[in-house]
């Protein structure tokens, strides 16, 4: 049963990162609220200045995406989001 929960969390975090990564949705989902709020504020407050916020959080989201896909990303409790069968 625990493996299925990890699959769900990993896949959901991956999808949130792909589609809403610049807003920190994947970080909200896994419980990293402080950095999620930072991503959201950077995007919203500086996103309109030549798109600067989108570049900053976009790079941050791509790094998170790579970490999620390679099972290196942790949740708010420090557990790795691994895709297991």
PDB file of N, CA and C in Angstrom:
ATOM      1  N   UNK A   1       0.817  -1.196   0.000  1.00  0.00           N
ATOM      2  CA  UNK A   1       0.000   0.000   0.000  1.00  0.00           C
ATOM      3  C   UNK A   1       0.860   1.259   0.000  1.00  0.00           C
ATOM      4  N   UNK A   2       1.970   1.216   0.732  1.00  0.00           N
ATOM      5  CA  UNK A   2       2.821   2.394   0.811  1.00  0.00           C
ATOM      6  C   UNK A   2       3.423   2.736  -0.556  1.00  0.00           C
ATOM      7  N   UNK A   3       3.761   1.736  -1.350  1.00  0.00           N
ATOM      8  CA  UNK A   3       4.312   1.977  -2.675  1.00  0.00           C
ATOM      9  C   UNK A   3       3.356   2.732  -3.573  1.00  0.00           C
ATOM     10  N   UNK A   4       2.073   2.424  -3.477  1.00  0.00           N
ATOM     11  CA  UNK A   4       1.084   3.124  -4.294  1.00  0.00           C
ATOM     12  C   UNK A   4       0.968   4.583  -3.875  1.00  0.00           C
ATOM     13  N   UNK A   5       1.079   4.868  -2.588  1.00  0.00           N
ATOM     14  CA  UNK A   5       1.044   6.249  -2.131  1.00  0.00           C
ATOM     15  C   UNK A   5       2.239   7.024  -2.679  1.00  0.00           C
ATOM     16  N   UNK A   6       3.416   6.392  -2.691  1.00  0.00           N
ATOM     17  CA  UNK A   6       4.591   7.050  -3.230  1.00  0.00           C
ATOM     18  C   UNK A   6       4.432   7.304  -4.727  1.00  0.00           C
ATOM     19  N   UNK A   7       3.846   6.337  -5.448  1.00  0.00           N
ATOM     20  CA  UNK A   7       3.601   6.539  -6.872  1.00  0.00           C
ATOM     21  C   UNK A   7       2.720   7.751  -7.095  1.00  0.00           C
ATOM     22  N   UNK A   8       1.656   7.842  -6.331  1.00  0.00           N
ATOM     23  CA  UNK A   8       0.718   8.949  -6.490  1.00  0.00           C
ATOM     24  C   UNK A   8       1.398  10.281  -6.189  1.00  0.00           C
ATOM     25  N   UNK A   9       2.146  10.349  -5.106  1.00  0.00           N
ATOM     26  CA  UNK A   9       2.815  11.582  -4.727  1.00  0.00           C
ATOM     27  C   UNK A   9       3.859  11.969  -5.764  1.00  0.00           C
ATOM     28  N   UNK A  10       4.636  11.005  -6.232  1.00  0.00           N
ATOM     29  CA  UNK A  10       5.675  11.285  -7.221  1.00  0.00           C
ATOM     30  C   UNK A  10       5.073  11.797  -8.524  1.00  0.00           C
ATOM     31  N   UNK A  11       4.062  11.114  -9.016  1.00  0.00           N
ATOM     32  CA  UNK A  11       3.452  11.495 -10.284  1.00  0.00           C
ATOM     33  C   UNK A  11       2.754  12.843 -10.174  1.00  0.00           C
ATOM     34  N   UNK A  12       2.043  13.070  -9.095  1.00  0.00           N
ATOM     35  CA  UNK A  12       1.352  14.351  -8.914  1.00  0.00           C
ATOM     36  C   UNK A  12       2.364  15.490  -8.807  1.00  0.00           C
ATOM     37  N   UNK A  13       3.432  15.286  -8.056  1.00  0.00           N
ATOM     38  CA  UNK A  13       4.462  16.318  -7.924  1.00  0.00           C
ATOM     39  C   UNK A  13       5.102  16.599  -9.279  1.00  0.00           C
ATOM     40  N   UNK A  14       5.335  15.558 -10.060  1.00  0.00           N
ATOM     41  CA  UNK A  14       5.909  15.721 -11.391  1.00  0.00           C
ATOM     42  C   UNK A  14       4.986  16.540 -12.289  1.00  0.00           C
ATOM     43  N   UNK A  15       3.705  16.221 -12.278  1.00  0.00           N
ATOM     44  CA  UNK A  15       2.743  16.945 -13.117  1.00  0.00           C
ATOM     45  C   UNK A  15       2.559  18.390 -12.660  1.00  0.00           C
ATOM     46  N   UNK A  16       2.505  18.601 -11.351  1.00  0.00           N
ATOM     47  CA  UNK A  16       2.418  19.967 -10.837  1.00  0.00           C
ATOM     48  C   UNK A  16       3.641  20.775 -11.257  1.00  0.00           C
ATOM     49  N   UNK A  17       4.798  20.159 -11.216  1.00  0.00           N
ATOM     50  CA  UNK A  17       6.026  20.847 -11.587  1.00  0.00           C
ATOM     51  C   UNK A  17       6.037  21.184 -13.076  1.00  0.00           C
ATOM     52  N   UNK A  18       5.559  20.275 -13.902  1.00  0.00           N
ATOM     53  CA  UNK A  18       5.541  20.525 -15.344  1.00  0.00           C
ATOM     54  C   UNK A  18       4.595  21.662 -15.701  1.00  0.00           C
ATOM     55  N   UNK A  19       3.384  21.633 -15.157  1.00  0.00           N
ATOM     56  CA  UNK A  19       2.363  22.583 -15.585  1.00  0.00           C
ATOM     57  C   UNK A  19       2.293  23.860 -14.745  1.00  0.00           C
ATOM     58  N   UNK A  20       2.633  23.797 -13.465  1.00  0.00           N
ATOM     59  CA  UNK A  20       2.522  24.967 -12.588  1.00  0.00           C
ATOM     60  C   UNK A  20       3.803  25.206 -11.791  1.00  0.00           C
ATOM     61  N   UNK A  21       4.911  24.769 -12.326  1.00  0.00           N
ATOM     62  CA  UNK A  21       6.168  24.838 -11.603  1.00  0.00           C
ATOM     63  C   UNK A  21       6.607  26.241 -11.246  1.00  0.00           C
ATOM     64  N   UNK A  22       6.399  27.222 -12.127  1.00  0.00           N
ATOM     65  CA  UNK A  22       6.846  28.583 -11.838  1.00  0.00           C
ATOM     66  C   UNK A  22       6.086  29.202 -10.673  1.00  0.00           C
ATOM     67  N   UNK A  23       4.928  28.655 -10.333  1.00  0.00           N
ATOM     68  CA  UNK A  23       4.144  29.155  -9.203  1.00  0.00           C
ATOM     69  C   UNK A  23       4.410  28.360  -7.923  1.00  0.00           C
ATOM     70  N   UNK A  24       5.257  27.338  -7.989  1.00  0.00           N
ATOM     71  CA  UNK A  24       5.615  26.551  -6.820  1.00  0.00           C
ATOM     72  C   UNK A  24       4.566  25.539  -6.399  1.00  0.00           C
ATOM     73  N   UNK A  25       3.662  25.168  -7.288  1.00  0.00           N
ATOM     74  CA  UNK A  25       2.574  24.248  -6.939  1.00  0.00           C
ATOM     75  C   UNK A  25       3.092  22.901  -6.452  1.00  0.00           C
ATOM     76  N   UNK A  26       4.148  22.392  -7.058  1.00  0.00           N
ATOM     77  CA  UNK A  26       4.702  21.100  -6.638  1.00  0.00           C
ATOM     78  C   UNK A  26       5.278  21.182  -5.232  1.00  0.00           C
ATOM     79  N   UNK A  27       5.824  22.327  -4.867  1.00  0.00           N
ATOM     80  CA  UNK A  27       6.367  22.494  -3.517  1.00  0.00           C
ATOM     81  C   UNK A  27       5.247  22.625  -2.487  1.00  0.00           C
ATOM     82  N   UNK A  28       4.152  23.293  -2.847  1.00  0.00           N
ATOM     83  CA  UNK A  28       2.986  23.319  -1.958  1.00  0.00           C
ATOM     84  C   UNK A  28       2.476  21.897  -1.743  1.00  0.00           C
ATOM     85  N   UNK A  29       2.428  21.117  -2.812  1.00  0.00           N
ATOM     86  CA  UNK A  29       1.880  19.762  -2.758  1.00  0.00           C
ATOM     87  C   UNK A  29       2.670  18.851  -1.820  1.00  0.00           C
ATOM     88  N   UNK A  30       3.991  18.965  -1.829  1.00  0.00           N
ATOM     89  CA  UNK A  30       4.804  18.066  -1.003  1.00  0.00           C
ATOM     90  C   UNK A  30       5.064  18.614   0.399  1.00  0.00           C
ATOM     91  N   UNK A  31       4.601  19.824   0.686  1.00  0.00           N
ATOM     92  CA  UNK A  31       4.723  20.358   2.032  1.00  0.00           C
ATOM     93  C   UNK A  31       5.884  21.305   2.261  1.00  0.00           C
ATOM     94  N   UNK A  32       6.514  21.768   1.208  1.00  0.00           N
ATOM     95  CA  UNK A  32       7.604  22.743   1.339  1.00  0.00           C
ATOM     96  C   UNK A  32       7.014  24.140   1.117  1.00  0.00           C
ATOM     97  N   UNK A  33       6.220  24.579   2.091  1.00  0.00           N
ATOM     98  CA  UNK A  33       5.434  25.799   1.890  1.00  0.00           C
ATOM     99  C   UNK A  33       6.268  27.072   1.874  1.00  0.00           C
ATOM    100  N   UNK A  34       7.341  27.132   2.633  1.00  0.00           N
ATOM    101  CA  UNK A  34       8.139  28.362   2.656  1.00  0.00           C
ATOM    102  C   UNK A  34       8.770  28.649   1.300  1.00  0.00           C
ATOM    103  N   UNK A  35       9.368  27.650   0.682  1.00  0.00           N
ATOM    104  CA  UNK A  35       9.968  27.864  -0.631  1.00  0.00           C
ATOM    105  C   UNK A  35       8.902  27.991  -1.707  1.00  0.00           C
ATOM    106  N   UNK A  36       7.747  27.366  -1.495  1.00  0.00           N
ATOM    107  CA  UNK A  36       6.642  27.512  -2.443  1.00  0.00           C
ATOM    108  C   UNK A  36       6.125  28.942  -2.443  1.00  0.00           C
ATOM    109  N   UNK A  37       5.985  29.518  -1.270  1.00  0.00           N
ATOM    110  CA  UNK A  37       5.551  30.912  -1.170  1.00  0.00           C
ATOM    111  C   UNK A  37       6.594  31.827  -1.802  1.00  0.00           C
ATOM    112  N   UNK A  38       7.871  31.519  -1.604  1.00  0.00           N
ATOM    113  CA  UNK A  38       8.940  32.312  -2.231  1.00  0.00           C
ATOM    114  C   UNK A  38       8.828  32.264  -3.749  1.00  0.00           C
ATOM    115  N   UNK A  39       8.617  31.076  -4.309  1.00  0.00           N
ATOM    116  CA  UNK A  39       8.470  30.952  -5.767  1.00  0.00           C
ATOM    117  C   UNK A  39       7.256  31.726  -6.257  1.00  0.00           C
ATOM    118  N   UNK A  40       6.161  31.597  -5.544  1.00  0.00           N
ATOM    119  CA  UNK A  40       4.935  32.277  -5.938  1.00  0.00           C
ATOM    120  C   UNK A  40       5.111  33.797  -5.911  1.00  0.00           C
ATOM    121  N   UNK A  41       5.713  34.312  -4.856  1.00  0.00           N
ATOM    122  CA  UNK A  41       5.913  35.756  -4.754  1.00  0.00           C
ATOM    123  C   UNK A  41       6.898  36.276  -5.793  1.00  0.00           C
ATOM    124  N   UNK A  42       7.959  35.531  -6.043  1.00  0.00           N
ATOM    125  CA  UNK A  42       8.916  35.940  -7.080  1.00  0.00           C
ATOM    126  C   UNK A  42       8.222  36.015  -8.427  1.00  0.00           C
ATOM    127  N   UNK A  43       7.423  35.014  -8.733  1.00  0.00           N
ATOM    128  CA  UNK A  43       6.731  34.990 -10.020  1.00  0.00           C
ATOM    129  C   UNK A  43       5.722  36.124 -10.127  1.00  0.00           C
ATOM    130  N   UNK A  44       4.917  36.314  -9.101  1.00  0.00           N
ATOM    131  CA  UNK A  44       3.860  37.322  -9.168  1.00  0.00           C
ATOM    132  C   UNK A  44       4.381  38.750  -9.057  1.00  0.00           C
ATOM    133  N   UNK A  45       5.355  38.978  -8.189  1.00  0.00           N
ATOM    134  CA  UNK A  45       5.814  40.346  -7.961  1.00  0.00           C
ATOM    135  C   UNK A  45       6.835  40.831  -8.979  1.00  0.00           C
ATOM    136  N   UNK A  46       7.638  39.942  -9.522  1.00  0.00           N
ATOM    137  CA  UNK A  46       8.636  40.380 -10.502  1.00  0.00           C
ATOM    138  C   UNK A  46       8.376  39.806 -11.888  1.00  0.00           C
ATOM    139  N   UNK A  47       7.320  39.059 -12.030  1.00  0.00           N
ATOM    140  CA  UNK A  47       7.016  38.447 -13.318  1.00  0.00           C
ATOM    141  C   UNK A  47       6.651  39.447 -14.395  1.00  0.00           C
ATOM    142  N   UNK A  48       6.197  40.594 -13.985  1.00  0.00           N
ATOM    143  CA  UNK A  48       5.751  41.595 -14.953  1.00  0.00           C
ATOM    144  C   UNK A  48       6.888  42.510 -15.404  1.00  0.00           C
ATOM    145  N   UNK A  49       8.044  42.430 -14.735  1.00  0.00           N
ATOM    146  CA  UNK A  49       9.194  43.243 -15.107  1.00  0.00           C
ATOM    147  C   UNK A  49      10.025  42.447 -16.109  1.00  0.00           C
ATOM    148  N   UNK A  50       9.712  42.586 -17.376  1.00  0.00           N
ATOM    149  CA  UNK A  50      10.404  41.884 -18.457  1.00  0.00           C
ATOM    150  C   UNK A  50      10.387  40.370 -18.288  1.00  0.00           C
ATOM    151  N   UNK A  51       9.434  39.856 -17.547  1.00  0.00           N
ATOM    152  CA  UNK A  51       9.336  38.422 -17.336  1.00  0.00           C
ATOM    153  C   UNK A  51      10.430  37.861 -16.451  1.00  0.00           C
ATOM    154  N   UNK A  52      11.097  38.721 -15.703  1.00  0.00           N
ATOM    155  CA  UNK A  52      12.240  38.303 -14.884  1.00  0.00           C
ATOM    156  C   UNK A  52      11.870  37.210 -13.895  1.00  0.00           C
ATOM    157  N   UNK A  53      10.730  37.344 -13.243  1.00  0.00           N
ATOM    158  CA  UNK A  53      10.303  36.342 -12.267  1.00  0.00           C
ATOM    159  C   UNK A  53      10.086  34.980 -12.893  1.00  0.00           C
ATOM    160  N   UNK A  54       9.575  34.970 -14.118  1.00  0.00           N
ATOM    161  CA  UNK A  54       9.344  33.700 -14.805  1.00  0.00           C
ATOM    162  C   UNK A  54      10.660  33.012 -15.163  1.00  0.00           C
ATOM    163  N   UNK A  55      11.683  33.788 -15.484  1.00  0.00           N
ATOM    164  CA  UNK A  55      12.995  33.200 -15.767  1.00  0.00           C
ATOM    165  C   UNK A  55      13.600  32.586 -14.506  1.00  0.00           C
ATOM    166  N   UNK A  56      13.530  33.335 -13.414  1.00  0.00           N
ATOM    167  CA  UNK A  56      14.114  32.864 -12.155  1.00  0.00           C
ATOM    168  C   UNK A  56      13.417  31.593 -11.679  1.00  0.00           C
ATOM    169  N   UNK A  57      12.101  31.652 -11.566  1.00  0.00           N
ATOM    170  CA  UNK A  57      11.372  30.480 -11.065  1.00  0.00           C
ATOM    171  C   UNK A  57      11.294  29.381 -12.111  1.00  0.00           C
ATOM    172  N   UNK A  58      11.409  29.741 -13.379  1.00  0.00           N
ATOM    173  CA  UNK A  58      11.431  28.719 -14.425  1.00  0.00           C
ATOM    174  C   UNK A  58      12.669  27.844 -14.322  1.00  0.00           C
ATOM    175  N   UNK A  59      13.813  28.473 -14.088  1.00  0.00           N
ATOM    176  CA  UNK A  59      15.050  27.710 -13.898  1.00  0.00           C
ATOM    177  C   UNK A  59      14.941  26.862 -12.638  1.00  0.00           C
ATOM    178  N   UNK A  60      14.394  27.446 -11.576  1.00  0.00           N
ATOM    179  CA  UNK A  60      14.203  26.735 -10.310  1.00  0.00           C
ATOM    180  C   UNK A  60      13.289  25.522 -10.522  1.00  0.00           C
ATOM    181  N   UNK A  61      12.206  25.707 -11.287  1.00  0.00           N
ATOM    182  CA  UNK A  61      11.269  24.614 -11.548  1.00  0.00           C
ATOM    183  C   UNK A  61      11.899  23.513 -12.402  1.00  0.00           C
ATOM    184  N   UNK A  62      12.732  23.884 -13.359  1.00  0.00           N
ATOM    185  CA  UNK A  62      13.400  22.873 -14.192  1.00  0.00           C
ATOM    186  C   UNK A  62      14.353  22.037 -13.335  1.00  0.00           C
ATOM    187  N   UNK A  63      15.065  22.681 -12.425  1.00  0.00           N
ATOM    188  CA  UNK A  63      15.950  21.938 -11.524  1.00  0.00           C
ATOM    189  C   UNK A  63      15.123  20.989 -10.659  1.00  0.00           C
ATOM    190  N   UNK A  64      13.993  21.486 -10.120  1.00  0.00           N
ATOM    191  CA  UNK A  64      13.107  20.623  -9.328  1.00  0.00           C
ATOM    192  C   UNK A  64      12.556  19.482 -10.170  1.00  0.00           C
ATOM    193  N   UNK A  65      12.208  19.758 -11.418  1.00  0.00           N
ATOM    194  CA  UNK A  65      11.685  18.725 -12.307  1.00  0.00           C
ATOM    195  C   UNK A  65      12.712  17.613 -12.515  1.00  0.00           C
ATOM    196  N   UNK A  66      13.949  17.985 -12.725  1.00  0.00           N
ATOM    197  CA  UNK A  66      15.007  16.994 -12.892  1.00  0.00           C
ATOM    198  C   UNK A  66      15.173  16.185 -11.610  1.00  0.00           C
ATOM    199  N   UNK A  67      15.124  16.872 -10.474  1.00  0.00           N
ATOM    200  CA  UNK A  67      15.270  16.170  -9.199  1.00  0.00           C
ATOM    201  C   UNK A  67      14.106  15.223  -8.935  1.00  0.00           C
ATOM    202  N   UNK A  68      12.880  15.628  -9.292  1.00  0.00           N
ATOM    203  CA  UNK A  68      11.719  14.748  -9.122  1.00  0.00           C
ATOM    204  C   UNK A  68      11.847  13.539 -10.040  1.00  0.00           C
ATOM    205  N   UNK A  69      12.199  13.782 -11.291  1.00  0.00           N
ATOM    206  CA  UNK A  69      12.294  12.696 -12.274  1.00  0.00           C
ATOM    207  C   UNK A  69      13.395  11.697 -11.938  1.00  0.00           C
ATOM    208  N   UNK A  70      14.446  12.155 -11.261  1.00  0.00           N
ATOM    209  CA  UNK A  70      15.551  11.258 -10.913  1.00  0.00           C
ATOM    210  C   UNK A  70      15.480  10.778  -9.469  1.00  0.00           C
ATOM    211  N   UNK A  71      14.343  10.982  -8.819  1.00  0.00           N
ATOM    212  CA  UNK A  71      14.086  10.529  -7.442  1.00  0.00           C
ATOM    213  C   UNK A  71      15.063  11.124  -6.439  1.00  0.00           C
ATOM    214  N   UNK A  72      15.378  12.400  -6.588  1.00  0.00           N
ATOM    215  CA  UNK A  72      16.248  13.100  -5.649  1.00  0.00           C
ATOM    216  C   UNK A  72      15.497  14.162  -4.850  1.00  0.00           C
ATOM    217  N   UNK A  73      14.242  14.406  -5.179  1.00  0.00           N
ATOM    218  CA  UNK A  73      13.432  15.451  -4.541  1.00  0.00           C
ATOM    219  C   UNK A  73      12.789  14.900  -3.272  1.00  0.00           C
ATOM    220  N   UNK A  74      12.801  15.673  -2.207  1.00  0.00           N
ATOM    221  CA  UNK A  74      12.214  15.222  -0.949  1.00  0.00           C
ATOM    222  C   UNK A  74      10.954  16.013  -0.633  1.00  0.00           C
ATOM    223  N   UNK A  75      10.100  15.416   0.208  1.00  0.00           N
ATOM    224  CA  UNK A  75       8.905  16.126   0.640  1.00  0.00           C
ATOM    225  C   UNK A  75       9.236  16.983   1.860  1.00  0.00           C
ATOM    226  N   UNK A  76       8.231  17.559   2.481  1.00  0.00           N
ATOM    227  CA  UNK A  76       8.430  18.422   3.625  1.00  0.00           C
ATOM    228  C   UNK A  76       9.006  17.716   4.836  1.00  0.00           C
ATOM    229  N   UNK A  77       8.900  16.394   4.881  1.00  0.00           N
ATOM    230  CA  UNK A  77       9.436  15.609   5.988  1.00  0.00           C
ATOM    231  C   UNK A  77      10.805  15.020   5.686  1.00  0.00           C
ATOM    232  N   UNK A  78      11.357  15.319   4.519  1.00  0.00           N
ATOM    233  CA  UNK A  78      12.670  14.813   4.154  1.00  0.00           C
ATOM    234  C   UNK A  78      12.670  13.455   3.478  1.00  0.00           C
ATOM    235  N   UNK A  79      11.491  12.918   3.171  1.00  0.00           N
ATOM    236  CA  UNK A  79      11.407  11.623   2.488  1.00  0.00           C
ATOM    237  C   UNK A  79      11.492  11.831   0.984  1.00  0.00           C
ATOM    238  N   UNK A  80      12.257  10.972   0.325  1.00  0.00           N
ATOM    239  CA  UNK A  80      12.416  11.067  -1.123  1.00  0.00           C
ATOM    240  C   UNK A  80      11.144  10.572  -1.811  1.00  0.00           C
ATOM    241  N   UNK A  81      10.714  11.322  -2.817  1.00  0.00           N
ATOM    242  CA  UNK A  81       9.552  10.916  -3.617  1.00  0.00           C
ATOM    243  C   UNK A  81      10.044   9.948  -4.685  1.00  0.00           C
ATOM    244  N   UNK A  82       9.908   8.676  -4.400  1.00  0.00           N
ATOM    245  CA  UNK A  82      10.413   7.667  -5.331  1.00  0.00           C
ATOM    246  C   UNK A  82       9.253   6.965  -6.027  1.00  0.00           C
ATOM    247  N   UNK A  83       9.460   6.646  -7.291  1.00  0.00           N
ATOM    248  CA  UNK A  83       8.455   5.913  -8.037  1.00  0.00           C
ATOM    249  C   UNK A  83       8.803   4.443  -7.934  1.00  0.00           C
ATOM    250  N   UNK A  84       8.005   3.707  -7.161  1.00  0.00           N
ATOM    251  CA  UNK A  84       8.258   2.281  -6.979  1.00  0.00           C
ATOM    252  C   UNK A  84       7.062   1.494  -7.497  1.00  0.00           C
ATOM    253  N   UNK A  85       7.327   0.277  -7.889  1.00  0.00           N
ATOM    254  CA  UNK A  85       6.261  -0.590  -8.402  1.00  0.00           C
ATOM    255  C   UNK A  85       5.747  -1.482  -7.317  1.00  0.00           C
TER     256      UNK A  85
END
